[in-house]
Amino acid sequence: MPRIERGSRVPYYRQLLQILHRGIEEGRWKAGELIPSESALVATYGISRTVIRQALDLLSIQGQVRRVKGKGTFVVEGSMWDVSPELSGRYEKLSASYRVHSILDNRITEPDPDRRKALALGQSATVLHVVVTSSRADQPDEVATFSTFDVVSKATPALEELIRSGRTPRFQVGGPAVPVQLAERVGLRLSHSRTTLSSINCSAAEAKIVGTEPGTSVLCFEWVTYDVAGRPVIAGRSITKEGARLYFAVPHRAH
């Protein structure tokens, strides 16, 4: 039976995803059948439920399983094409054309209930709350995005020590995106993000910040970012009026 390689640089959730995917492809679990429960996967592989849920969520997004509350996770009938939209490339490369334009907030606080749930935090946990605007490198004087980041206080030992002393990281205006600066300053090592993209009508306050009219339709990104150990460490939201600059790579795989 395949095992989770503890010394591997591949995150645990990715290893489990590969194990379950292979089991489905090889017919170990057939269409309509249940794959092992979360409890069974915990017992078999010795990994957390958070990691297991990440793998199952990705399997569901890929259309290989269907999760039914109170019943379990069922294998679904394979389609002719698998479609999995994704922004491709390293985060540093994808964000390289944007720079921090201004820092509107940078403090330690309690997360709101939705962020607390997304980050799997206890009631007493705190986050680093950062609010920034960003501009394109080729148009440094014009605000392109307005973003909020809630970072788990214990995301890295260096960040935890800094926050325990009552301080917050110093972010550089004109520097790279907030997660990239956190990687440089406190050793945050990120793996991937689960992102929801929607079109919203921006509020009067948001419109003033990004330089558009209230009620204008803008793109809204909401995401949870995971570190290389598979832990959710950042929850964020960003609005942008730069929809024309968004591109997706959509790979297809025939059965």
Protein backbone atom coordinates (compact mmCIF):
# COMPACT_ATOMS: atom_id res chain seq x y z
CA MET A 1 0.00 0.00 0.00
CA PRO A 2 1.38 3.47 -0.87
CA ARG A 3 2.55 5.53 2.09
CA ILE A 4 3.03 9.20 2.91
CA GLU A 5 6.72 10.04 2.60
CA ARG A 6 7.53 12.18 5.65
CA GLY A 7 10.82 13.44 4.25
CA SER A 8 9.43 14.38 0.85
CA ARG A 9 9.24 17.99 -0.32
CA VAL A 10 5.82 17.19 -1.79
CA PRO A 11 3.11 18.43 0.63
CA TYR A 12 1.15 15.71 2.43
CA TYR A 13 -2.14 16.71 0.80
CA ARG A 14 -0.55 16.32 -2.66
CA GLN A 15 0.80 12.89 -1.75
CA LEU A 16 -2.62 11.77 -0.51
CA LEU A 17 -4.27 13.26 -3.60
CA GLN A 18 -1.96 11.17 -5.79
CA ILE A 19 -2.66 8.01 -3.74
CA LEU A 20 -6.44 8.44 -3.98
CA HIS A 21 -6.30 9.42 -7.64
CA ARG A 22 -4.25 6.32 -8.43
CA GLY A 23 -6.65 4.13 -6.47
CA ILE A 24 -9.60 5.46 -8.47
CA GLU A 25 -7.78 5.14 -11.80
CA GLU A 26 -6.77 1.55 -11.00
CA GLY A 27 -10.31 0.59 -10.00
CA ARG A 28 -9.71 0.11 -6.30
CA TRP A 29 -12.81 2.24 -5.76
CA LYS A 30 -15.35 2.14 -8.56
CA ALA A 31 -18.00 4.69 -9.59
CA GLY A 32 -20.71 4.91 -6.95
CA GLU A 33 -18.54 3.39 -4.22
CA LEU A 34 -17.35 5.16 -1.07
CA ILE A 35 -13.68 5.85 -0.62
CA PRO A 36 -12.36 5.48 2.98
CA SER A 37 -13.75 7.93 5.54
CA GLU A 38 -11.70 10.78 6.98
CA SER A 39 -11.25 8.77 10.21
CA ALA A 40 -10.01 5.77 8.26
CA LEU A 41 -7.57 7.92 6.27
CA VAL A 42 -6.27 9.49 9.50
CA ALA A 43 -5.66 6.00 10.93
CA THR A 44 -4.08 4.68 7.74
CA TYR A 45 -1.76 7.58 6.87
CA GLY A 46 -1.21 9.38 10.19
CA ILE A 47 -2.05 12.83 8.82
CA SER A 48 -4.49 15.48 10.01
CA ARG A 49 -8.10 15.91 8.95
CA THR A 50 -7.19 19.35 7.56
CA VAL A 51 -4.72 17.74 5.14
CA ILE A 52 -7.22 15.03 4.23
CA ARG A 53 -9.96 17.57 3.50
CA GLN A 54 -7.60 19.52 1.23
CA ALA A 55 -6.98 16.38 -0.83
CA LEU A 56 -10.69 15.48 -0.94
CA ASP A 57 -11.65 19.03 -1.91
CA LEU A 58 -9.21 18.90 -4.82
CA LEU A 59 -10.54 15.50 -5.91
CA SER A 60 -14.04 16.99 -5.85
CA ILE A 61 -12.95 20.05 -7.87
CA GLN A 62 -11.36 17.70 -10.40
CA GLY A 63 -14.68 15.88 -10.72
CA GLN A 64 -13.45 12.50 -9.46
CA VAL A 65 -15.54 12.34 -6.28
CA ARG A 66 -18.74 13.76 -4.82
CA ARG A 67 -18.88 14.60 -1.12
CA VAL A 68 -22.26 14.00 0.58
CA LYS A 69 -22.74 15.37 4.09
CA GLY A 70 -23.43 12.62 6.59
CA LYS A 71 -22.72 9.85 4.09
CA GLY A 72 -19.16 10.18 2.84
CA THR A 73 -17.20 10.66 -0.37
CA PHE A 74 -18.37 8.79 -3.47
CA VAL A 75 -16.44 8.10 -6.67
CA VAL A 76 -18.25 9.56 -9.68
CA GLU A 77 -18.46 8.24 -13.22
CA GLY A 78 -15.54 9.52 -15.30
CA SER A 79 -16.25 12.02 -18.07
CA MET A 80 -14.53 12.20 -21.44
CA TRP A 81 -12.71 15.35 -20.38
CA ASP A 82 -11.34 16.53 -17.06
CA VAL A 83 -11.23 20.31 -16.75
CA SER A 84 -9.27 22.01 -13.97
CA PRO A 85 -8.81 25.78 -14.46
CA GLU A 86 -5.73 27.14 -12.73
CA LEU A 87 -3.46 30.12 -12.68
CA SER A 88 -0.15 28.62 -13.68
CA GLY A 89 3.39 29.46 -12.63
CA ARG A 90 5.25 30.36 -9.45
CA TYR A 91 3.54 32.90 -7.19
CA GLU A 92 6.56 35.19 -7.34
CA LYS A 93 6.38 35.26 -11.15
CA LEU A 94 2.61 35.76 -11.26
CA SER A 95 2.80 38.67 -8.80
CA ALA A 96 6.00 40.22 -10.17
CA SER A 97 4.18 42.90 -12.18
CA TYR A 98 2.52 44.30 -9.02
CA ARG A 99 4.12 46.33 -6.22
CA VAL A 100 2.78 47.50 -2.86
CA HIS A 101 1.46 51.03 -3.42
CA SER A 102 0.35 51.90 0.11
CA ILE A 103 -0.14 50.22 3.51
CA LEU A 104 -3.52 51.06 5.03
CA ASP A 105 -3.42 48.75 8.07
CA ASN A 106 -0.88 46.46 9.75
CA ARG A 107 -1.91 45.15 13.18
CA ILE A 108 -2.55 42.12 15.37
CA THR A 109 -6.23 41.37 15.87
CA GLU A 110 -8.85 38.65 16.25
CA PRO A 111 -10.15 37.34 12.90
CA ASP A 112 -13.81 37.58 11.98
CA PRO A 113 -15.80 34.30 12.18
CA ASP A 114 -15.46 33.47 8.47
CA ARG A 115 -11.68 33.97 8.48
CA ARG A 116 -11.37 32.03 11.74
CA LYS A 117 -13.18 29.08 10.16
CA ALA A 118 -11.21 29.29 6.90
CA LEU A 119 -7.92 29.24 8.81
CA ALA A 120 -9.08 26.50 11.25
CA LEU A 121 -8.24 28.70 14.26
CA GLY A 122 -9.31 28.36 17.87
CA GLN A 123 -11.30 31.03 19.71
CA SER A 124 -8.24 32.62 21.34
CA ALA A 125 -6.09 32.75 18.19
CA THR A 126 -5.01 36.04 16.63
CA VAL A 127 -3.95 37.03 13.12
CA LEU A 128 -1.74 39.62 11.48
CA HIS A 129 -4.21 41.85 9.62
CA VAL A 130 -2.69 43.70 6.66
CA VAL A 131 -4.53 45.98 4.23
CA VAL A 132 -2.72 47.33 1.18
CA THR A 133 -3.20 48.81 -2.25
CA SER A 134 -1.01 47.66 -5.11
CA SER A 135 -0.01 49.14 -8.45
CA ARG A 136 1.40 47.75 -11.66
CA ALA A 137 5.14 48.09 -12.01
CA ASP A 138 4.69 50.03 -15.26
CA GLN A 139 2.08 52.38 -13.71
CA PRO A 140 3.38 52.96 -10.16
CA ASP A 141 1.18 55.99 -9.43
CA GLU A 142 -2.15 54.26 -10.20
CA VAL A 143 -3.87 51.89 -7.76
CA ALA A 144 -4.71 48.59 -9.46
CA THR A 145 -5.85 46.40 -6.52
CA PHE A 146 -7.14 46.75 -2.95
CA SER A 147 -6.34 43.74 -0.75
CA THR A 148 -6.71 42.45 2.81
CA PHE A 149 -4.64 39.63 4.31
CA ASP A 150 -5.21 37.77 7.58
CA VAL A 151 -2.07 35.77 8.43
CA VAL A 152 -2.03 33.13 11.17
CA SER A 153 0.12 34.48 14.00
CA LYS A 154 1.88 31.14 14.39
CA ALA A 155 2.48 30.64 10.67
CA THR A 156 6.26 30.60 11.29
CA PRO A 157 8.39 30.69 14.46
CA ALA A 158 9.84 34.06 13.41
CA LEU A 159 6.39 35.60 12.93
CA GLU A 160 5.14 34.12 16.20
CA GLU A 161 8.10 35.58 18.10
CA LEU A 162 7.62 38.98 16.46
CA ILE A 163 3.93 39.10 17.33
CA ARG A 164 4.53 37.83 20.86
CA SER A 165 6.72 40.89 21.38
CA GLY A 166 3.85 43.13 20.24
CA ARG A 167 5.43 44.00 16.90
CA THR A 168 4.39 43.40 13.29
CA PRO A 169 6.52 42.88 10.16
CA ARG A 170 7.52 46.04 8.34
CA PHE A 171 6.32 46.04 4.75
CA GLN A 172 8.08 48.01 2.05
CA VAL A 173 6.08 50.39 -0.12
CA GLY A 174 7.25 49.75 -3.66
CA GLY A 175 8.20 46.20 -2.68
CA PRO A 176 6.67 42.93 -3.92
CA ALA A 177 3.33 41.45 -2.86
CA VAL A 178 2.65 40.93 0.87
CA PRO A 179 3.10 37.11 0.82
CA VAL A 180 6.44 37.51 -0.97
CA GLN A 181 7.62 40.03 1.62
CA LEU A 182 6.50 37.68 4.41
CA ALA A 183 8.55 34.90 2.83
CA GLU A 184 11.59 37.18 2.86
CA ARG A 185 11.09 38.56 6.38
CA VAL A 186 9.70 35.67 8.46
CA GLY A 187 10.43 32.60 6.35
CA LEU A 188 6.86 31.86 5.25
CA ARG A 189 6.97 29.02 2.70
CA LEU A 190 3.78 28.86 0.64
CA SER A 191 2.48 25.97 -1.44
CA HIS A 192 -0.82 26.88 -3.11
CA SER A 193 -4.07 28.83 -2.78
CA ARG A 194 -7.72 27.92 -3.16
CA THR A 195 -9.30 30.95 -4.80
CA THR A 196 -12.85 32.02 -5.57
CA LEU A 197 -13.33 34.60 -8.32
CA SER A 198 -16.53 36.62 -8.63
CA SER A 199 -17.81 39.86 -10.08
CA ILE A 200 -19.14 42.36 -7.53
CA ASN A 201 -20.35 45.94 -7.44
CA CYS A 202 -17.81 47.85 -5.38
CA SER A 203 -18.86 49.98 -2.43
CA ALA A 204 -18.33 53.73 -2.25
CA ALA A 205 -15.27 53.24 0.00
CA GLU A 206 -13.75 50.62 -2.31
CA ALA A 207 -14.49 52.73 -5.40
CA LYS A 208 -12.65 55.68 -3.87
CA ILE A 209 -9.58 53.53 -3.17
CA VAL A 210 -9.31 51.91 -6.63
CA GLY A 211 -10.33 55.07 -8.47
CA THR A 212 -13.66 54.14 -10.01
CA GLU A 213 -17.36 54.97 -9.58
CA PRO A 214 -19.44 53.43 -6.74
CA GLY A 215 -21.37 50.40 -7.96
CA THR A 216 -18.87 49.67 -10.75
CA SER A 217 -18.49 45.96 -11.52
CA VAL A 218 -15.05 44.74 -10.44
CA LEU A 219 -13.37 41.37 -10.01
CA CYS A 220 -13.17 40.04 -6.46
CA PHE A 221 -10.70 37.33 -5.45
CA GLU A 222 -11.14 35.53 -2.12
CA TRP A 223 -8.57 32.92 -1.19
CA VAL A 224 -7.01 30.70 1.44
CA THR A 225 -3.28 30.06 1.03
CA TYR A 226 -1.57 26.95 2.41
CA ASP A 227 2.03 26.49 3.47
CA VAL A 228 4.28 23.62 2.34
CA ALA A 229 3.08 21.52 5.31
CA GLY A 230 -0.52 21.81 4.08
CA ARG A 231 -1.69 24.23 6.80
CA PRO A 232 -3.99 27.17 5.96
CA VAL A 233 -1.95 30.26 6.88
CA ILE A 234 -3.40 33.22 4.96
CA ALA A 235 -6.98 34.19 4.18
CA GLY A 236 -7.42 37.16 1.88
CA ARG A 237 -9.60 39.23 -0.39
CA SER A 238 -8.66 41.47 -3.29
CA ILE A 239 -10.63 43.60 -5.72
CA THR A 240 -9.33 44.81 -9.05
CA LYS A 241 -10.69 46.64 -12.06
CA GLU A 242 -8.02 45.00 -14.24
CA GLY A 243 -10.10 42.11 -15.58
CA ALA A 244 -8.47 42.29 -19.00
CA ARG A 245 -5.15 41.20 -17.47
CA LEU A 246 -6.49 37.91 -16.07
CA TYR A 247 -5.65 34.74 -18.00
CA PHE A 248 -6.43 31.11 -17.18
CA ALA A 249 -4.67 27.96 -18.28
CA VAL A 250 -7.28 25.21 -18.64
CA PRO A 251 -5.71 21.76 -19.16
CA HIS A 252 -7.85 18.93 -20.53
CA ARG A 253 -7.17 15.25 -20.08
CA ALA A 254 -8.93 12.55 -22.12
CA HIS A 255 -9.74 9.21 -20.49
